[in-house]
């Protein structure tokens, strides 16, 4: 599977993104939940894949703080590309289009909705803290949940506990940055869930932690 960046900043580079899509394609999730949408690049790639697999019979839900994210929040850990909260684009043409002409904040919910408008009938985005949002939605409908939001132990652990309690059996959880050196809490939270519930853990490409409920 080929991962496309669509002229937008993304947390996953194309090479590892293509490997991520291979994992998604193996599960073939009709209903997909992503925590940590950023500019929507991974969402668009997942939607492209779902569309090929299911025509128009699929759904995607994305949860993120979007433009409300504050890099000054010391309680959370975020990757550098998010923490800097700038929209530096090394490509001069991209810079001209987004920063000068359109003046578009690519991680805003409005921008992401516009980017995903091809699949407007299949997409729902929720702006908010995942720990507060997850209890309000029906997690039992999702075949796959991708966790790539806040990187602190508290956030990841809380998300995993909520998902474990309310998701359906055989739901596939995929957690990004399992071995991230700046966020050891991710591995700690994943390992705790696996040990406490006797789950099998599979790590893909030294990055993605897979847990099948």
N, C-alpha and C. Protein backbone atom coordinates (compact mmCIF):
# COMPACT_ATOMS: atom_id res chain seq x y z
N UNK A 1 0.84 -1.18 0.00
CA UNK A 1 0.00 0.00 0.00
C UNK A 1 0.88 1.24 0.00
N UNK A 2 0.52 2.25 -0.77
CA UNK A 2 1.31 3.47 -0.87
C UNK A 2 0.66 4.58 -0.05
N UNK A 3 1.41 5.13 0.89
CA UNK A 3 0.95 6.20 1.77
C UNK A 3 1.26 7.54 1.11
N UNK A 4 0.24 8.37 0.95
CA UNK A 4 0.40 9.66 0.30
C UNK A 4 0.33 10.79 1.34
N UNK A 5 1.14 11.83 1.15
CA UNK A 5 1.14 12.93 2.10
C UNK A 5 0.25 14.09 1.67
N UNK A 6 -0.16 14.12 0.42
CA UNK A 6 -1.15 15.10 -0.05
C UNK A 6 -0.77 16.56 0.26
N UNK A 7 0.49 16.89 0.15
CA UNK A 7 0.90 18.30 0.33
C UNK A 7 0.71 18.81 1.75
N UNK A 8 0.55 17.94 2.72
CA UNK A 8 0.32 18.40 4.09
C UNK A 8 1.37 17.82 5.03
N UNK A 9 1.60 18.51 6.16
CA UNK A 9 2.52 17.99 7.16
C UNK A 9 1.91 16.75 7.80
N UNK A 10 2.76 15.76 8.05
CA UNK A 10 2.27 14.51 8.62
C UNK A 10 3.26 13.98 9.65
N UNK A 11 2.76 13.26 10.63
CA UNK A 11 3.62 12.67 11.64
C UNK A 11 4.24 11.37 11.20
N UNK A 12 3.73 10.80 10.12
CA UNK A 12 4.25 9.54 9.58
C UNK A 12 4.83 9.80 8.20
N UNK A 13 6.06 9.40 8.00
CA UNK A 13 6.68 9.56 6.70
C UNK A 13 6.17 8.48 5.75
N UNK A 14 6.21 8.73 4.44
CA UNK A 14 5.61 7.80 3.47
C UNK A 14 6.05 6.34 3.61
N UNK A 15 7.34 6.10 3.85
CA UNK A 15 7.80 4.71 3.93
C UNK A 15 7.15 3.94 5.07
N UNK A 16 7.17 4.52 6.27
CA UNK A 16 6.56 3.85 7.42
C UNK A 16 5.04 3.91 7.30
N UNK A 17 4.53 4.96 6.64
CA UNK A 17 3.09 5.07 6.43
C UNK A 17 2.55 3.95 5.56
N UNK A 18 3.32 3.56 4.56
CA UNK A 18 2.91 2.44 3.69
C UNK A 18 2.86 1.15 4.49
N UNK A 19 3.79 0.98 5.42
CA UNK A 19 3.78 -0.21 6.27
C UNK A 19 2.59 -0.18 7.23
N UNK A 20 2.27 1.02 7.70
CA UNK A 20 1.07 1.20 8.53
C UNK A 20 -0.19 0.78 7.77
N UNK A 21 -0.28 1.21 6.51
CA UNK A 21 -1.45 0.86 5.70
C UNK A 21 -1.54 -0.64 5.45
N UNK A 22 -0.41 -1.30 5.37
CA UNK A 22 -0.43 -2.77 5.21
C UNK A 22 -1.08 -3.42 6.43
N UNK A 23 -0.79 -2.88 7.61
CA UNK A 23 -1.39 -3.41 8.84
C UNK A 23 -2.90 -3.18 8.82
N UNK A 24 -3.31 -1.98 8.42
CA UNK A 24 -4.74 -1.65 8.34
C UNK A 24 -5.42 -2.56 7.32
N UNK A 25 -4.77 -2.78 6.20
CA UNK A 25 -5.35 -3.61 5.13
C UNK A 25 -5.53 -5.05 5.58
N UNK A 26 -4.65 -5.53 6.44
CA UNK A 26 -4.79 -6.89 6.95
C UNK A 26 -6.04 -7.02 7.82
N UNK A 27 -6.34 -5.98 8.59
CA UNK A 27 -7.51 -6.00 9.46
C UNK A 27 -8.79 -5.68 8.68
N UNK A 28 -8.66 -4.84 7.66
CA UNK A 28 -9.81 -4.41 6.85
C UNK A 28 -10.96 -3.88 7.72
N UNK A 29 -10.71 -2.80 8.43
CA UNK A 29 -11.74 -2.24 9.33
C UNK A 29 -12.81 -1.43 8.59
N UNK A 30 -14.04 -1.84 8.73
CA UNK A 30 -15.13 -1.07 8.14
C UNK A 30 -15.37 0.20 8.94
N UNK A 31 -15.14 0.12 10.24
CA UNK A 31 -15.30 1.28 11.12
C UNK A 31 -13.98 1.52 11.84
N UNK A 32 -13.42 2.70 11.64
CA UNK A 32 -12.07 3.01 12.10
C UNK A 32 -12.10 4.25 13.00
N UNK A 33 -11.39 4.17 14.13
CA UNK A 33 -11.29 5.30 15.05
C UNK A 33 -9.82 5.70 15.18
N UNK A 34 -9.56 6.98 15.02
CA UNK A 34 -8.20 7.50 15.17
C UNK A 34 -8.17 8.56 16.27
N UNK A 35 -7.25 8.39 17.21
CA UNK A 35 -7.03 9.40 18.24
C UNK A 35 -5.73 10.11 17.90
N UNK A 36 -5.83 11.39 17.57
CA UNK A 36 -4.66 12.14 17.13
C UNK A 36 -4.66 12.30 15.63
N UNK A 37 -5.43 13.25 15.13
CA UNK A 37 -5.66 13.40 13.69
C UNK A 37 -4.63 14.32 13.03
N UNK A 38 -4.18 15.32 13.77
CA UNK A 38 -3.24 16.33 13.27
C UNK A 38 -3.81 16.98 12.01
N UNK A 39 -3.14 16.89 10.86
CA UNK A 39 -3.65 17.55 9.64
C UNK A 39 -4.52 16.64 8.78
N UNK A 40 -4.73 15.40 9.23
CA UNK A 40 -5.64 14.51 8.51
C UNK A 40 -5.02 13.63 7.45
N UNK A 41 -3.69 13.59 7.36
CA UNK A 41 -3.05 12.80 6.31
C UNK A 41 -3.29 11.31 6.50
N UNK A 42 -3.08 10.82 7.72
CA UNK A 42 -3.34 9.39 7.98
C UNK A 42 -4.81 9.08 7.78
N UNK A 43 -5.68 9.98 8.23
CA UNK A 43 -7.12 9.79 8.03
C UNK A 43 -7.44 9.62 6.55
N UNK A 44 -6.90 10.48 5.71
CA UNK A 44 -7.19 10.41 4.28
C UNK A 44 -6.70 9.10 3.68
N UNK A 45 -5.53 8.64 4.10
CA UNK A 45 -5.02 7.38 3.59
C UNK A 45 -5.88 6.20 4.02
N UNK A 46 -6.34 6.23 5.27
CA UNK A 46 -7.23 5.17 5.75
C UNK A 46 -8.55 5.20 4.99
N UNK A 47 -9.08 6.39 4.78
CA UNK A 47 -10.34 6.53 4.05
C UNK A 47 -10.21 6.06 2.60
N UNK A 48 -9.10 6.37 1.97
CA UNK A 48 -8.86 5.89 0.61
C UNK A 48 -8.88 4.36 0.58
N UNK A 49 -8.25 3.75 1.57
CA UNK A 49 -8.23 2.29 1.64
C UNK A 49 -9.61 1.73 1.93
N UNK A 50 -10.31 2.31 2.89
CA UNK A 50 -11.67 1.84 3.20
C UNK A 50 -12.58 1.95 1.98
N UNK A 51 -12.43 3.02 1.24
CA UNK A 51 -13.26 3.22 0.05
C UNK A 51 -13.04 2.12 -0.97
N UNK A 52 -11.80 1.71 -1.14
CA UNK A 52 -11.50 0.63 -2.09
C UNK A 52 -12.06 -0.70 -1.59
N UNK A 53 -12.06 -0.88 -0.28
CA UNK A 53 -12.51 -2.15 0.29
C UNK A 53 -14.03 -2.26 0.39
N UNK A 54 -14.71 -1.14 0.72
CA UNK A 54 -16.13 -1.20 1.07
C UNK A 54 -17.01 -0.27 0.26
N UNK A 55 -16.51 0.29 -0.83
CA UNK A 55 -17.26 1.26 -1.61
C UNK A 55 -17.65 2.44 -0.71
N UNK A 56 -18.93 2.59 -0.38
CA UNK A 56 -19.33 3.72 0.47
C UNK A 56 -19.84 3.29 1.83
N UNK A 57 -19.69 2.00 2.14
CA UNK A 57 -20.23 1.45 3.38
C UNK A 57 -19.13 1.33 4.44
N UNK A 58 -18.72 2.45 5.01
CA UNK A 58 -17.67 2.45 6.03
C UNK A 58 -17.76 3.76 6.81
N UNK A 59 -17.03 3.82 7.92
CA UNK A 59 -17.02 5.05 8.71
C UNK A 59 -15.65 5.30 9.32
N UNK A 60 -15.37 6.57 9.53
CA UNK A 60 -14.13 7.00 10.17
C UNK A 60 -14.48 8.06 11.21
N UNK A 61 -13.94 7.90 12.42
CA UNK A 61 -14.09 8.91 13.46
C UNK A 61 -12.71 9.35 13.91
N UNK A 62 -12.48 10.66 13.94
CA UNK A 62 -11.21 11.19 14.39
C UNK A 62 -11.40 12.11 15.58
N UNK A 63 -10.57 11.93 16.61
CA UNK A 63 -10.62 12.76 17.82
C UNK A 63 -9.30 13.50 17.95
N UNK A 64 -9.37 14.80 18.17
CA UNK A 64 -8.15 15.60 18.29
C UNK A 64 -8.50 16.93 18.94
N UNK A 65 -7.50 17.59 19.51
CA UNK A 65 -7.69 18.95 20.01
C UNK A 65 -7.67 19.95 18.86
N UNK A 66 -7.14 19.52 17.71
CA UNK A 66 -7.04 20.38 16.53
C UNK A 66 -6.38 21.71 16.91
N UNK A 67 -6.94 22.82 16.47
CA UNK A 67 -6.29 24.11 16.70
C UNK A 67 -6.31 24.55 18.17
N UNK A 68 -7.03 23.82 19.00
CA UNK A 68 -7.07 24.17 20.42
C UNK A 68 -5.87 23.64 21.20
N UNK A 69 -5.02 22.86 20.53
CA UNK A 69 -3.83 22.33 21.22
C UNK A 69 -2.92 23.46 21.67
N UNK A 70 -2.45 23.39 22.90
CA UNK A 70 -1.56 24.41 23.44
C UNK A 70 -0.21 23.78 23.77
N UNK A 71 0.83 24.14 23.06
CA UNK A 71 2.15 23.55 23.31
C UNK A 71 2.70 23.88 24.69
N UNK A 72 2.09 24.84 25.37
CA UNK A 72 2.55 25.21 26.71
C UNK A 72 2.04 24.26 27.79
N UNK A 73 1.19 23.30 27.40
CA UNK A 73 0.64 22.35 28.37
C UNK A 73 1.74 21.38 28.81
N UNK A 74 2.30 21.59 29.97
CA UNK A 74 3.42 20.78 30.44
C UNK A 74 2.98 19.40 30.94
N UNK A 75 1.68 19.18 31.05
CA UNK A 75 1.19 17.90 31.53
C UNK A 75 1.18 16.85 30.42
N UNK A 76 1.34 17.29 29.18
CA UNK A 76 1.26 16.37 28.05
C UNK A 76 2.60 16.28 27.34
N UNK A 77 2.81 15.17 26.69
CA UNK A 77 3.99 14.95 25.85
C UNK A 77 3.53 14.84 24.42
N UNK A 78 4.15 15.59 23.54
CA UNK A 78 3.78 15.55 22.13
C UNK A 78 5.05 15.50 21.29
N UNK A 79 4.99 14.88 20.11
CA UNK A 79 6.15 14.87 19.22
C UNK A 79 6.58 16.29 18.86
N UNK A 80 7.83 16.46 18.50
CA UNK A 80 8.37 17.78 18.19
C UNK A 80 7.59 18.51 17.12
N UNK A 81 7.14 17.79 16.09
CA UNK A 81 6.46 18.45 14.98
C UNK A 81 5.13 19.05 15.41
N UNK A 82 4.55 18.54 16.49
CA UNK A 82 3.31 19.10 17.02
C UNK A 82 3.61 20.13 18.11
N UNK A 83 4.58 19.80 18.95
CA UNK A 83 4.90 20.65 20.08
C UNK A 83 5.35 22.05 19.65
N UNK A 84 6.03 22.13 18.51
CA UNK A 84 6.50 23.43 18.03
C UNK A 84 5.35 24.33 17.62
N UNK A 85 4.23 23.69 17.24
CA UNK A 85 3.01 24.42 16.90
C UNK A 85 3.23 25.49 15.82
N UNK A 86 4.21 25.28 14.94
CA UNK A 86 4.38 26.21 13.84
C UNK A 86 3.96 25.52 12.55
N UNK A 87 3.84 26.29 11.52
CA UNK A 87 3.44 25.72 10.24
C UNK A 87 4.53 25.98 9.20
N UNK A 88 5.76 25.71 9.61
CA UNK A 88 6.88 25.87 8.70
C UNK A 88 6.79 24.80 7.61
N UNK A 89 6.79 25.22 6.38
CA UNK A 89 6.75 24.31 5.25
C UNK A 89 7.98 24.55 4.39
N UNK A 90 8.85 23.55 4.30
CA UNK A 90 10.11 23.71 3.59
C UNK A 90 9.92 23.88 2.09
N UNK A 91 8.82 23.35 1.58
CA UNK A 91 8.52 23.51 0.16
C UNK A 91 8.00 24.93 -0.08
N UNK A 92 8.71 25.75 -0.87
CA UNK A 92 8.30 27.15 -1.08
C UNK A 92 6.90 27.29 -1.64
N UNK A 93 6.49 26.37 -2.52
CA UNK A 93 5.16 26.45 -3.12
C UNK A 93 4.09 26.17 -2.07
N UNK A 94 4.33 25.16 -1.23
CA UNK A 94 3.39 24.87 -0.15
C UNK A 94 3.28 26.06 0.79
N UNK A 95 4.43 26.65 1.12
CA UNK A 95 4.43 27.82 1.99
C UNK A 95 3.60 28.95 1.38
N UNK A 96 3.78 29.17 0.10
CA UNK A 96 3.05 30.24 -0.58
C UNK A 96 1.55 29.98 -0.55
N UNK A 97 1.16 28.75 -0.85
CA UNK A 97 -0.27 28.41 -0.93
C UNK A 97 -0.94 28.50 0.44
N UNK A 98 -0.37 27.79 1.44
CA UNK A 98 -1.04 27.67 2.73
C UNK A 98 -0.81 28.85 3.68
N UNK A 99 0.41 29.38 3.71
CA UNK A 99 0.73 30.42 4.68
C UNK A 99 0.51 31.84 4.17
N UNK A 100 0.60 32.02 2.84
CA UNK A 100 0.49 33.36 2.29
C UNK A 100 -0.87 33.59 1.62
N UNK A 101 -1.23 32.70 0.70
CA UNK A 101 -2.47 32.89 -0.06
C UNK A 101 -3.70 32.49 0.75
N UNK A 102 -3.73 31.24 1.19
CA UNK A 102 -4.92 30.74 1.90
C UNK A 102 -4.92 31.12 3.38
N UNK A 103 -3.74 31.28 3.95
CA UNK A 103 -3.60 31.52 5.38
C UNK A 103 -4.42 30.49 6.17
N UNK A 104 -4.17 29.25 5.82
CA UNK A 104 -4.95 28.14 6.37
C UNK A 104 -4.16 27.38 7.43
N UNK A 105 -4.73 27.22 8.60
CA UNK A 105 -4.09 26.44 9.66
C UNK A 105 -4.43 24.97 9.40
N UNK A 106 -3.44 24.20 8.97
CA UNK A 106 -3.69 22.86 8.46
C UNK A 106 -4.19 21.89 9.52
N UNK A 107 -3.93 22.16 10.80
CA UNK A 107 -4.42 21.25 11.83
C UNK A 107 -5.73 21.72 12.46
N UNK A 108 -6.38 22.70 11.85
CA UNK A 108 -7.69 23.13 12.36
C UNK A 108 -8.75 22.13 11.91
N UNK A 109 -9.80 22.01 12.67
CA UNK A 109 -10.86 21.05 12.32
C UNK A 109 -11.52 21.44 11.00
N UNK A 110 -11.61 22.74 10.73
CA UNK A 110 -12.19 23.20 9.47
C UNK A 110 -11.33 22.76 8.29
N UNK A 111 -10.01 22.92 8.42
CA UNK A 111 -9.10 22.53 7.35
C UNK A 111 -9.13 21.03 7.11
N UNK A 112 -9.16 20.26 8.20
CA UNK A 112 -9.17 18.80 8.06
C UNK A 112 -10.48 18.33 7.44
N UNK A 113 -11.59 18.89 7.87
CA UNK A 113 -12.87 18.53 7.25
C UNK A 113 -12.85 18.83 5.76
N UNK A 114 -12.31 19.97 5.40
CA UNK A 114 -12.23 20.34 3.99
C UNK A 114 -11.33 19.37 3.22
N UNK A 115 -10.23 18.97 3.84
CA UNK A 115 -9.30 18.02 3.22
C UNK A 115 -9.96 16.66 2.99
N UNK A 116 -10.86 16.28 3.88
CA UNK A 116 -11.51 14.96 3.81
C UNK A 116 -12.90 15.02 3.16
N UNK A 117 -13.22 16.13 2.50
CA UNK A 117 -14.58 16.34 1.99
C UNK A 117 -15.01 15.30 0.96
N UNK A 118 -14.07 14.65 0.31
CA UNK A 118 -14.41 13.59 -0.64
C UNK A 118 -15.22 12.50 0.05
N UNK A 119 -14.98 12.33 1.36
CA UNK A 119 -15.65 11.28 2.13
C UNK A 119 -16.54 11.88 3.21
N UNK A 120 -17.14 13.02 2.92
CA UNK A 120 -17.90 13.76 3.94
C UNK A 120 -19.03 12.94 4.56
N UNK A 121 -19.58 11.98 3.81
CA UNK A 121 -20.67 11.17 4.36
C UNK A 121 -20.17 10.06 5.27
N UNK A 122 -18.87 9.84 5.28
CA UNK A 122 -18.29 8.74 6.05
C UNK A 122 -17.47 9.22 7.24
N UNK A 123 -17.24 10.52 7.31
CA UNK A 123 -16.30 11.08 8.30
C UNK A 123 -17.00 11.87 9.39
N UNK A 124 -16.52 11.68 10.61
CA UNK A 124 -16.92 12.54 11.72
C UNK A 124 -15.67 12.90 12.50
N UNK A 125 -15.51 14.17 12.80
CA UNK A 125 -14.40 14.65 13.61
C UNK A 125 -14.94 15.25 14.90
N UNK A 126 -14.27 14.97 16.00
CA UNK A 126 -14.66 15.53 17.29
C UNK A 126 -13.47 16.27 17.87
N UNK A 127 -13.68 17.54 18.20
CA UNK A 127 -12.62 18.33 18.82
C UNK A 127 -12.74 18.21 20.33
N UNK A 128 -11.66 17.74 20.97
CA UNK A 128 -11.69 17.62 22.41
C UNK A 128 -10.62 16.69 22.92
N UNK A 129 -10.51 16.62 24.24
CA UNK A 129 -9.57 15.73 24.89
C UNK A 129 -10.10 14.29 24.80
N UNK A 130 -9.27 13.38 24.34
CA UNK A 130 -9.70 12.01 24.11
C UNK A 130 -10.25 11.36 25.38
N UNK A 131 -9.66 11.66 26.52
CA UNK A 131 -10.10 11.05 27.78
C UNK A 131 -11.53 11.49 28.13
N UNK A 132 -11.90 12.68 27.69
CA UNK A 132 -13.25 13.17 27.94
C UNK A 132 -14.22 12.72 26.84
N UNK A 133 -13.71 12.56 25.62
CA UNK A 133 -14.56 12.22 24.48
C UNK A 133 -14.89 10.74 24.43
N UNK A 134 -13.91 9.88 24.69
CA UNK A 134 -14.11 8.44 24.54
C UNK A 134 -15.32 7.89 25.32
N UNK A 135 -15.57 8.34 26.56
CA UNK A 135 -16.73 7.82 27.29
C UNK A 135 -18.06 8.21 26.68
N UNK A 136 -18.07 9.17 25.77
CA UNK A 136 -19.33 9.66 25.20
C UNK A 136 -19.70 8.98 23.89
N UNK A 137 -18.81 8.13 23.36
CA UNK A 137 -19.09 7.49 22.07
C UNK A 137 -19.21 5.98 22.22
N UNK A 138 -19.86 5.36 21.26
CA UNK A 138 -20.03 3.91 21.27
C UNK A 138 -18.80 3.25 20.66
N UNK A 139 -17.91 2.79 21.50
CA UNK A 139 -16.67 2.17 21.02
C UNK A 139 -16.89 0.77 20.47
N UNK A 140 -18.06 0.19 20.74
CA UNK A 140 -18.29 -1.20 20.33
C UNK A 140 -18.45 -1.38 18.83
N UNK A 141 -18.57 -0.29 18.08
CA UNK A 141 -18.77 -0.43 16.63
C UNK A 141 -17.44 -0.46 15.87
N UNK A 142 -16.34 -0.17 16.54
CA UNK A 142 -15.08 0.01 15.81
C UNK A 142 -14.28 -1.29 15.70
N UNK A 143 -13.82 -1.55 14.49
CA UNK A 143 -13.02 -2.74 14.22
C UNK A 143 -11.54 -2.49 14.51
N UNK A 144 -11.14 -1.23 14.42
CA UNK A 144 -9.73 -0.88 14.64
C UNK A 144 -9.65 0.51 15.24
N UNK A 145 -8.76 0.67 16.21
CA UNK A 145 -8.54 1.96 16.87
C UNK A 145 -7.05 2.27 16.83
N UNK A 146 -6.72 3.41 16.26
CA UNK A 146 -5.32 3.84 16.15
C UNK A 146 -5.08 4.96 17.15
N UNK A 147 -4.14 4.74 18.08
CA UNK A 147 -3.85 5.72 19.13
C UNK A 147 -2.57 6.46 18.80
N UNK A 148 -2.70 7.76 18.56
CA UNK A 148 -1.53 8.57 18.21
C UNK A 148 -1.76 10.01 18.65
N UNK A 149 -2.31 10.18 19.83
CA UNK A 149 -2.59 11.53 20.34
C UNK A 149 -1.54 11.94 21.36
N UNK A 150 -1.99 12.30 22.57
CA UNK A 150 -1.06 12.66 23.63
C UNK A 150 -0.15 11.49 23.96
N UNK A 151 1.12 11.77 24.22
CA UNK A 151 2.10 10.71 24.43
C UNK A 151 2.48 10.49 25.90
N UNK A 152 1.79 11.14 26.82
CA UNK A 152 2.12 10.92 28.23
C UNK A 152 1.56 9.58 28.71
N UNK A 153 2.17 9.06 29.76
CA UNK A 153 1.69 7.79 30.33
C UNK A 153 0.23 7.91 30.76
N UNK A 154 -0.11 9.02 31.42
CA UNK A 154 -1.48 9.20 31.91
C UNK A 154 -2.49 9.15 30.78
N UNK A 155 -2.19 9.83 29.68
CA UNK A 155 -3.13 9.86 28.55
C UNK A 155 -3.26 8.48 27.91
N UNK A 156 -2.14 7.86 27.58
CA UNK A 156 -2.18 6.56 26.91
C UNK A 156 -2.84 5.50 27.79
N UNK A 157 -2.47 5.49 29.06
CA UNK A 157 -3.05 4.52 29.99
C UNK A 157 -4.55 4.71 30.12
N UNK A 158 -4.99 5.95 30.23
CA UNK A 158 -6.42 6.23 30.34
C UNK A 158 -7.17 5.81 29.08
N UNK A 159 -6.61 6.11 27.92
CA UNK A 159 -7.24 5.73 26.66
C UNK A 159 -7.36 4.22 26.55
N UNK A 160 -6.28 3.52 26.86
CA UNK A 160 -6.29 2.06 26.75
C UNK A 160 -7.29 1.42 27.70
N UNK A 161 -7.39 1.94 28.91
CA UNK A 161 -8.34 1.39 29.88
C UNK A 161 -9.78 1.61 29.43
N UNK A 162 -10.07 2.79 28.89
CA UNK A 162 -11.41 3.08 28.40
C UNK A 162 -11.76 2.18 27.22
N UNK A 163 -10.82 2.03 26.31
CA UNK A 163 -11.04 1.21 25.13
C UNK A 163 -11.20 -0.26 25.52
N UNK A 164 -10.35 -0.73 26.41
CA UNK A 164 -10.42 -2.12 26.85
C UNK A 164 -11.78 -2.43 27.48
N UNK A 165 -12.30 -1.48 28.21
CA UNK A 165 -13.56 -1.67 28.91
C UNK A 165 -14.76 -1.66 27.98
N UNK A 166 -14.70 -0.87 26.90
CA UNK A 166 -15.90 -0.62 26.12
C UNK A 166 -15.85 -1.05 24.65
N UNK A 167 -14.67 -1.43 24.17
CA UNK A 167 -14.57 -1.86 22.77
C UNK A 167 -15.00 -3.32 22.63
N UNK A 168 -15.29 -3.72 21.41
CA UNK A 168 -15.77 -5.08 21.19
C UNK A 168 -14.62 -6.07 21.11
N UNK A 169 -14.93 -7.33 21.30
CA UNK A 169 -13.93 -8.39 21.18
C UNK A 169 -13.41 -8.42 19.74
N UNK A 170 -12.13 -8.66 19.61
CA UNK A 170 -11.44 -8.71 18.31
C UNK A 170 -11.20 -7.33 17.70
N UNK A 171 -11.48 -6.29 18.46
CA UNK A 171 -11.08 -4.96 18.00
C UNK A 171 -9.56 -4.89 18.04
N UNK A 172 -8.97 -4.36 16.99
CA UNK A 172 -7.52 -4.24 16.93
C UNK A 172 -7.10 -2.85 17.39
N UNK A 173 -6.27 -2.79 18.40
CA UNK A 173 -5.71 -1.53 18.87
C UNK A 173 -4.29 -1.41 18.34
N UNK A 174 -3.98 -0.30 17.73
CA UNK A 174 -2.64 -0.05 17.24
C UNK A 174 -2.15 1.25 17.88
N UNK A 175 -1.04 1.17 18.60
CA UNK A 175 -0.50 2.33 19.31
C UNK A 175 0.80 2.77 18.64
N UNK A 176 0.87 4.02 18.24
CA UNK A 176 2.07 4.53 17.57
C UNK A 176 3.16 4.87 18.60
N UNK A 177 4.40 4.90 18.13
CA UNK A 177 5.55 5.35 18.92
C UNK A 177 5.79 4.52 20.18
N UNK A 178 5.63 3.22 20.06
CA UNK A 178 5.79 2.31 21.21
C UNK A 178 7.17 2.45 21.84
N UNK A 179 8.21 2.66 21.02
CA UNK A 179 9.57 2.77 21.54
C UNK A 179 10.08 4.21 21.55
N UNK A 180 9.19 5.20 21.53
CA UNK A 180 9.62 6.59 21.44
C UNK A 180 10.47 6.97 22.66
N UNK A 181 11.70 7.43 22.41
CA UNK A 181 12.63 7.70 23.51
C UNK A 181 12.19 8.88 24.39
N UNK A 182 11.39 9.79 23.84
CA UNK A 182 10.92 10.93 24.63
C UNK A 182 9.62 10.64 25.37
N UNK A 183 9.03 9.49 25.09
CA UNK A 183 7.73 9.17 25.70
C UNK A 183 7.71 7.71 26.17
N UNK A 184 8.51 7.38 27.17
CA UNK A 184 8.56 5.99 27.66
C UNK A 184 7.24 5.54 28.28
N UNK A 185 6.36 6.49 28.58
CA UNK A 185 5.07 6.14 29.16
C UNK A 185 4.19 5.35 28.21
N UNK A 186 4.44 5.48 26.91
CA UNK A 186 3.64 4.72 25.94
C UNK A 186 3.88 3.23 26.12
N UNK A 187 5.13 2.84 26.14
CA UNK A 187 5.48 1.43 26.32
C UNK A 187 5.00 0.91 27.67
N UNK A 188 5.17 1.73 28.69
CA UNK A 188 4.73 1.33 30.03
C UNK A 188 3.24 1.06 30.06
N UNK A 189 2.44 1.95 29.47
CA UNK A 189 0.99 1.79 29.48
C UNK A 189 0.55 0.58 28.66
N UNK A 190 1.16 0.39 27.51
CA UNK A 190 0.83 -0.77 26.67
C UNK A 190 1.20 -2.06 27.38
N UNK A 191 2.39 -2.13 27.94
CA UNK A 191 2.84 -3.36 28.61
C UNK A 191 1.96 -3.69 29.80
N UNK A 192 1.49 -2.68 30.51
CA UNK A 192 0.62 -2.93 31.66
C UNK A 192 -0.70 -3.56 31.21
N UNK A 193 -1.28 -3.00 30.15
CA UNK A 193 -2.55 -3.55 29.65
C UNK A 193 -2.38 -4.99 29.19
N UNK A 194 -1.30 -5.25 28.49
CA UNK A 194 -1.03 -6.60 27.97
C UNK A 194 -0.85 -7.59 29.12
N UNK A 195 -0.07 -7.19 30.12
CA UNK A 195 0.21 -8.09 31.25
C UNK A 195 -1.03 -8.34 32.09
N UNK A 196 -1.79 -7.30 32.37
CA UNK A 196 -2.96 -7.43 33.24
C UNK A 196 -4.06 -8.26 32.62
N UNK A 197 -4.12 -8.31 31.29
CA UNK A 197 -5.22 -9.01 30.61
C UNK A 197 -4.75 -10.19 29.78
N UNK A 198 -3.47 -10.53 29.92
CA UNK A 198 -2.89 -11.68 29.22
C UNK A 198 -3.11 -11.60 27.70
N UNK A 199 -2.94 -10.39 27.16
CA UNK A 199 -3.05 -10.20 25.72
C UNK A 199 -1.72 -10.51 25.05
N UNK A 200 -1.77 -10.76 23.77
CA UNK A 200 -0.55 -10.92 22.99
C UNK A 200 -0.18 -9.58 22.39
N UNK A 201 1.08 -9.26 22.47
CA UNK A 201 1.58 -8.00 21.93
C UNK A 201 2.44 -8.28 20.70
N UNK A 202 2.15 -7.56 19.63
CA UNK A 202 2.97 -7.67 18.42
C UNK A 202 3.45 -6.27 18.05
N UNK A 203 4.74 -6.12 17.86
CA UNK A 203 5.30 -4.82 17.52
C UNK A 203 5.74 -4.83 16.06
N UNK A 204 5.23 -3.87 15.30
CA UNK A 204 5.53 -3.77 13.87
C UNK A 204 6.57 -2.68 13.62
N UNK A 205 7.59 -3.03 12.87
CA UNK A 205 8.56 -2.06 12.36
C UNK A 205 9.18 -1.21 13.47
N UNK A 206 9.33 -1.82 14.63
CA UNK A 206 9.95 -1.16 15.78
C UNK A 206 9.23 0.14 16.14
N UNK A 207 7.91 0.18 15.86
CA UNK A 207 7.15 1.43 16.08
C UNK A 207 5.73 1.21 16.55
N UNK A 208 4.97 0.37 15.88
CA UNK A 208 3.55 0.22 16.17
C UNK A 208 3.30 -0.99 17.07
N UNK A 209 2.63 -0.77 18.19
CA UNK A 209 2.27 -1.86 19.11
C UNK A 209 0.84 -2.30 18.80
N UNK A 210 0.68 -3.57 18.51
CA UNK A 210 -0.63 -4.13 18.15
C UNK A 210 -1.16 -5.01 19.28
N UNK A 211 -2.41 -4.73 19.67
CA UNK A 211 -3.09 -5.53 20.67
C UNK A 211 -4.45 -5.92 20.12
N UNK A 212 -4.74 -7.21 20.11
CA UNK A 212 -6.06 -7.68 19.67
C UNK A 212 -6.88 -8.03 20.91
N UNK A 213 -7.99 -7.31 21.11
CA UNK A 213 -8.81 -7.54 22.30
C UNK A 213 -9.52 -8.89 22.24
